Amino acid sequence: MPMYFFNLRDQDTIHDVDGTDLADNDAARAHAEVVAKELKFKSSTFEDEAWSMWTMSVRDAEGLELFSFPMGDVDGGNGK
């Protein structure tokens, strides 16, 4: 299975050093959405910045960015 890395970035990047084995890009997109929702559900900020300042970037094992999305576009539940 391919390895995917789910990084968070604003001015800096928080690298996912472990990665996740997933079946394909569709599974990676679904996983990214779940992770983003869980992060936003737990807190309205990350490293003292609103989630609207962050982007999730998904890369493959070679480091190629496959897709990204603003964390502010993700519904974190409970209004967060």
Protein backbone atom coordinates (compact mmCIF):
# COMPACT_ATOMS: atom_id res chain seq x y z
CA MET A 1 0.00 0.00 0.00
CA PRO A 2 1.18 3.54 -0.68
CA MET A 3 2.38 5.72 2.21
CA TYR A 4 0.81 9.15 2.73
CA PHE A 5 2.00 12.03 4.93
CA PHE A 6 -0.41 14.55 6.45
CA ASN A 7 1.38 17.82 7.18
CA LEU A 8 0.04 21.02 8.70
CA ARG A 9 1.39 24.35 7.60
CA ASP A 10 1.05 28.05 8.22
CA GLN A 11 4.31 30.03 7.96
CA ASP A 12 6.05 26.82 9.08
CA THR A 13 5.27 23.16 8.45
CA ILE A 14 4.49 20.53 11.05
CA HIS A 15 5.68 17.34 9.35
CA ASP A 16 4.00 13.99 9.69
CA VAL A 17 7.12 11.85 10.13
CA ASP A 18 5.29 8.53 10.50
CA GLY A 19 2.91 8.56 7.56
CA THR A 20 -0.05 6.27 7.03
CA ASP A 21 -0.44 3.32 4.65
CA LEU A 22 -3.64 3.71 2.67
CA ALA A 23 -5.11 2.03 -0.41
CA ASP A 24 -5.12 5.02 -2.75
CA ASN A 25 -5.52 8.80 -3.11
CA ASP A 26 -9.27 8.61 -2.42
CA ALA A 27 -8.59 6.84 0.87
CA ALA A 28 -5.93 9.47 1.68
CA ARG A 29 -8.43 12.29 1.04
CA ALA A 30 -11.03 10.63 3.28
CA HIS A 31 -8.42 10.07 6.00
CA ALA A 32 -7.27 13.70 5.77
CA GLU A 33 -10.82 14.92 6.29
CA VAL A 34 -11.30 12.69 9.35
CA VAL A 35 -7.98 13.82 10.86
CA ALA A 36 -8.79 17.48 10.22
CA LYS A 37 -12.23 17.14 11.84
CA GLU A 38 -10.74 15.39 14.87
CA LEU A 39 -8.11 18.08 15.30
CA LYS A 40 -10.65 20.87 15.09
CA PHE A 41 -13.05 19.06 17.42
CA LYS A 42 -10.39 18.88 20.13
CA SER A 43 -9.42 22.57 20.00
CA SER A 44 -10.34 25.80 18.24
CA THR A 45 -6.65 26.68 17.87
CA PHE A 46 -3.32 25.01 17.13
CA GLU A 47 -0.06 26.42 18.46
CA ASP A 48 -1.97 29.55 19.52
CA GLU A 49 -3.31 30.23 15.99
CA ALA A 50 -6.86 29.84 14.75
CA TRP A 51 -7.35 26.84 12.47
CA SER A 52 -8.23 29.26 9.66
CA MET A 53 -4.51 30.09 9.45
CA TRP A 54 -3.54 26.44 8.78
CA THR A 55 -3.58 24.22 5.70
CA MET A 56 -3.42 20.44 5.58
CA SER A 57 -1.07 19.20 2.87
CA VAL A 58 -1.05 15.54 1.85
CA ARG A 59 2.09 14.17 0.23
CA ASP A 60 3.13 10.80 -1.13
CA ALA A 61 6.26 8.87 -0.16
CA GLU A 62 8.31 10.78 -2.76
CA GLY A 63 7.28 14.11 -1.24
CA LEU A 64 4.91 15.12 -4.06
CA GLU A 65 1.98 17.17 -2.77
CA LEU A 66 -1.17 15.38 -3.91
CA PHE A 67 -3.67 17.88 -2.52
CA SER A 68 -4.17 20.41 0.24
CA PHE A 69 -7.06 22.26 1.81
CA PRO A 70 -7.51 25.12 4.28
CA MET A 71 -8.32 23.87 7.74
CA GLY A 72 -10.84 26.71 8.02
CA ASP A 73 -12.97 24.90 5.41
CA VAL A 74 -13.34 21.83 7.62
CA ASP A 75 -16.35 21.48 9.90
CA GLY A 76 -14.90 20.45 13.23
CA GLY A 77 -18.23 19.85 14.92
CA ASN A 78 -19.45 21.72 18.00
CA GLY A 79 -18.94 25.00 16.11
CA LYS A 80 -15.17 24.80 16.27
